[in-house]
C-alpha atoms as a PDB file:
ATOM      1  CA  MET A   1      82.200 139.808 101.757  1.00  0.00           C
ATOM      2  CA  GLY A   2      85.664 139.489 101.393  1.00  0.00           C
ATOM      3  CA  GLN A   3      87.897 136.500 101.994  1.00  0.00           C
ATOM      4  CA  ASN A   4      89.414 138.073 105.267  1.00  0.00           C
ATOM      5  CA  ASN A   5      86.260 139.094 106.681  1.00  0.00           C
ATOM      6  CA  THR A   6      84.465 135.403 106.391  1.00  0.00           C
ATOM      7  CA  PHE A   7      87.757 133.871 107.625  1.00  0.00           C
ATOM      8  CA  GLU A   8      87.736 136.357 110.865  1.00  0.00           C
ATOM      9  CA  LYS A   9      83.932 135.527 111.535  1.00  0.00           C
ATOM     10  CA  ILE A  10      85.087 131.817 111.049  1.00  0.00           C
ATOM     11  CA  TYR A  11      87.905 131.981 113.780  1.00  0.00           C
ATOM     12  CA  ASP A  12      85.607 134.311 116.183  1.00  0.00           C
ATOM     13  CA  VAL A  13      83.084 131.351 116.473  1.00  0.00           C
ATOM     14  CA  VAL A  14      86.176 128.653 116.981  1.00  0.00           C
ATOM     15  CA  ARG A  15      87.298 131.038 119.730  1.00  0.00           C
ATOM     16  CA  LYS A  16      84.271 129.877 121.197  1.00  0.00           C
ATOM     17  CA  ILE A  17      84.691 126.409 121.502  1.00  0.00           C
ATOM     18  CA  PRO A  18      86.208 125.643 124.937  1.00  0.00           C
ATOM     19  CA  LYS A  19      87.949 123.037 126.063  1.00  0.00           C
ATOM     20  CA  GLY A  20      86.559 119.852 126.746  1.00  0.00           C
ATOM     21  CA  LYS A  21      84.239 120.677 123.492  1.00  0.00           C
ATOM     22  CA  VAL A  22      84.181 120.426 120.013  1.00  0.00           C
ATOM     23  CA  ALA A  23      82.191 121.553 116.906  1.00  0.00           C
ATOM     24  CA  THR A  24      81.832 119.893 112.978  1.00  0.00           C
ATOM     25  CA  TYR A  25      82.969 122.062 110.308  1.00  0.00           C
ATOM     26  CA  GLY A  26      78.919 122.702 109.441  1.00  0.00           C
ATOM     27  CA  GLN A  27      78.700 124.114 113.261  1.00  0.00           C
ATOM     28  CA  VAL A  28      81.225 126.411 112.777  1.00  0.00           C
ATOM     29  CA  ALA A  29      79.582 127.699 109.240  1.00  0.00           C
ATOM     30  CA  LEU A  30      76.354 127.779 110.312  1.00  0.00           C
ATOM     31  CA  TYR A  31      77.235 130.091 112.974  1.00  0.00           C
ATOM     32  CA  ALA A  32      79.257 131.932 110.796  1.00  0.00           C
ATOM     33  CA  GLY A  33      76.787 133.040 109.013  1.00  0.00           C
ATOM     34  CA  ASN A  34      76.006 130.712 106.485  1.00  0.00           C
ATOM     35  CA  PRO A  35      75.885 127.028 106.965  1.00  0.00           C
ATOM     36  CA  ARG A  36      77.714 126.131 103.061  1.00  0.00           C
ATOM     37  CA  TRP A  37      80.732 126.609 104.699  1.00  0.00           C
ATOM     38  CA  SER A  38      81.800 123.734 106.346  1.00  0.00           C
ATOM     39  CA  ARG A  39      84.583 123.759 103.386  1.00  0.00           C
ATOM     40  CA  VAL A  40      85.879 127.474 103.490  1.00  0.00           C
ATOM     41  CA  VAL A  41      85.636 126.484 107.546  1.00  0.00           C
ATOM     42  CA  GLY A  42      88.683 123.822 106.911  1.00  0.00           C
ATOM     43  CA  TYR A  43      90.425 126.049 104.608  1.00  0.00           C
ATOM     44  CA  ALA A  44      90.442 128.736 107.027  1.00  0.00           C
ATOM     45  CA  LEU A  45      91.220 126.726 109.726  1.00  0.00           C
ATOM     46  CA  HIS A  46      94.253 125.388 107.548  1.00  0.00           C
ATOM     47  CA  VAL A  47      95.961 129.045 107.185  1.00  0.00           C
ATOM     48  CA  ASN A  48      94.999 129.588 110.187  1.00  0.00           C
ATOM     49  CA  PRO A  49      97.457 133.234 111.343  1.00  0.00           C
ATOM     50  CA  TYR A  50      97.062 132.424 114.930  1.00  0.00           C
ATOM     51  CA  PRO A  51      98.524 129.250 115.543  1.00  0.00           C
ATOM     52  CA  GLY A  52      98.730 128.454 119.328  1.00  0.00           C
ATOM     53  CA  LYS A  53      96.128 131.358 120.101  1.00  0.00           C
ATOM     54  CA  LEU A  54      93.116 129.148 118.015  1.00  0.00           C
ATOM     55  CA  PRO A  55      91.735 126.288 119.163  1.00  0.00           C
ATOM     56  CA  CYS A  56      91.180 124.746 115.762  1.00  0.00           C
ATOM     57  CA  HIS A  57      92.054 121.462 116.967  1.00  0.00           C
ATOM     58  CA  ARG A  58      88.255 121.611 118.667  1.00  0.00           C
ATOM     59  CA  VAL A  59      86.594 121.891 115.093  1.00  0.00           C
ATOM     60  CA  VAL A  60      85.892 117.624 113.429  1.00  0.00           C
ATOM     61  CA  ASN A  61      83.684 116.555 110.894  1.00  0.00           C
ATOM     62  CA  ARG A  62      80.468 115.327 111.561  1.00  0.00           C
ATOM     63  CA  PHE A  63      80.934 111.742 112.062  1.00  0.00           C
ATOM     64  CA  GLY A  64      83.410 112.841 115.274  1.00  0.00           C
ATOM     65  CA  GLU A  65      86.175 112.459 113.359  1.00  0.00           C
ATOM     66  CA  VAL A  66      89.451 114.421 113.476  1.00  0.00           C
ATOM     67  CA  SER A  67      91.385 115.773 110.293  1.00  0.00           C
ATOM     68  CA  SER A  68      94.298 113.813 108.720  1.00  0.00           C
ATOM     69  CA  ALA A  69      95.898 116.847 107.574  1.00  0.00           C
ATOM     70  CA  PHE A  70      95.696 118.860 111.123  1.00  0.00           C
ATOM     71  CA  ALA A  71      97.819 121.670 110.668  1.00  0.00           C
ATOM     72  CA  PHE A  72      99.958 121.161 113.360  1.00  0.00           C
ATOM     73  CA  GLY A  73     101.137 117.577 113.083  1.00  0.00           C
ATOM     74  CA  GLY A  74      98.379 115.642 111.604  1.00  0.00           C
ATOM     75  CA  GLU A  75      95.525 113.664 113.353  1.00  0.00           C
ATOM     76  CA  ASN A  76      97.864 112.135 115.754  1.00  0.00           C
ATOM     77  CA  MET A  77      98.456 115.508 117.612  1.00  0.00           C
ATOM     78  CA  GLN A  78      94.511 116.495 117.219  1.00  0.00           C
ATOM     79  CA  ILE A  79      93.802 113.357 119.105  1.00  0.00           C
ATOM     80  CA  LYS A  80      96.782 113.808 121.570  1.00  0.00           C
ATOM     81  CA  LEU A  81      95.312 118.188 122.277  1.00  0.00           C
ATOM     82  CA  LEU A  82      91.886 117.126 123.063  1.00  0.00           C
ATOM     83  CA  GLU A  83      92.662 113.952 124.941  1.00  0.00           C
ATOM     84  CA  GLU A  84      94.103 116.368 127.350  1.00  0.00           C
ATOM     85  CA  GLU A  85      91.130 118.491 127.179  1.00  0.00           C
ATOM     86  CA  GLY A  86      89.690 115.487 128.586  1.00  0.00           C
ATOM     87  CA  ILE A  87      87.994 114.099 125.376  1.00  0.00           C
ATOM     88  CA  SER A  88      87.737 110.104 124.967  1.00  0.00           C
ATOM     89  CA  PHE A  89      87.880 108.295 121.601  1.00  0.00           C
ATOM     90  CA  ARG A  90      87.158 105.062 120.582  1.00  0.00           C
ATOM     91  CA  LEU A  91      89.062 102.788 118.957  1.00  0.00           C
ATOM     92  CA  ASP A  92      88.089 103.516 115.560  1.00  0.00           C
ATOM     93  CA  LYS A  93      89.528 107.140 116.204  1.00  0.00           C
ATOM     94  CA  THR A  94      86.325 108.951 116.617  1.00  0.00           C
ATOM     95  CA  LEU A  95      84.771 110.751 119.589  1.00  0.00           C
ATOM     96  CA  ASP A  96      81.066 110.748 120.722  1.00  0.00           C
ATOM     97  CA  LEU A  97      79.547 114.207 119.203  1.00  0.00           C
ATOM     98  CA  LYS A  98      76.689 113.663 121.651  1.00  0.00           C
ATOM     99  CA  LEU A  99      78.764 114.155 124.592  1.00  0.00           C
ATOM    100  CA  TYR A 100      81.456 116.733 123.286  1.00  0.00           C
ATOM    101  CA  ARG A 101      79.557 118.568 120.847  1.00  0.00           C
ATOM    102  CA  TRP A 102      79.576 121.851 121.866  1.00  0.00           C
ATOM    103  CA  GLU A 103      76.475 123.849 121.837  1.00  0.00           C
ATOM    104  CA  PRO A 104      76.479 127.993 122.213  1.00  0.00           C
ATOM    105  CA  ASP A 105      73.669 127.858 124.893  1.00  0.00           C
ATOM    106  CA  GLU A 106      75.941 126.148 127.055  1.00  0.00           C
END
């Protein structure tokens, strides 16, 4: 499977994450076809060819933390975008995955 096909599978999953919800890198990897692609998901989002159209800000790590390397302005921009969608953060800048994790069957 080529890199472009893999990345497109990842982007297709990320497009499905609704406003006000997040998915972890591992979830995106699993739904894209391989649970071992967590790092690939991070790389694919870093080289996102659809800026402003792909809601990559809705992908967080397994601890509910945003990326310090968020491609469009750092972690504070990712937090700002998620807060605009109604997601609240704790003082340690994490979010409650039990509350905000997206499940595709919702």
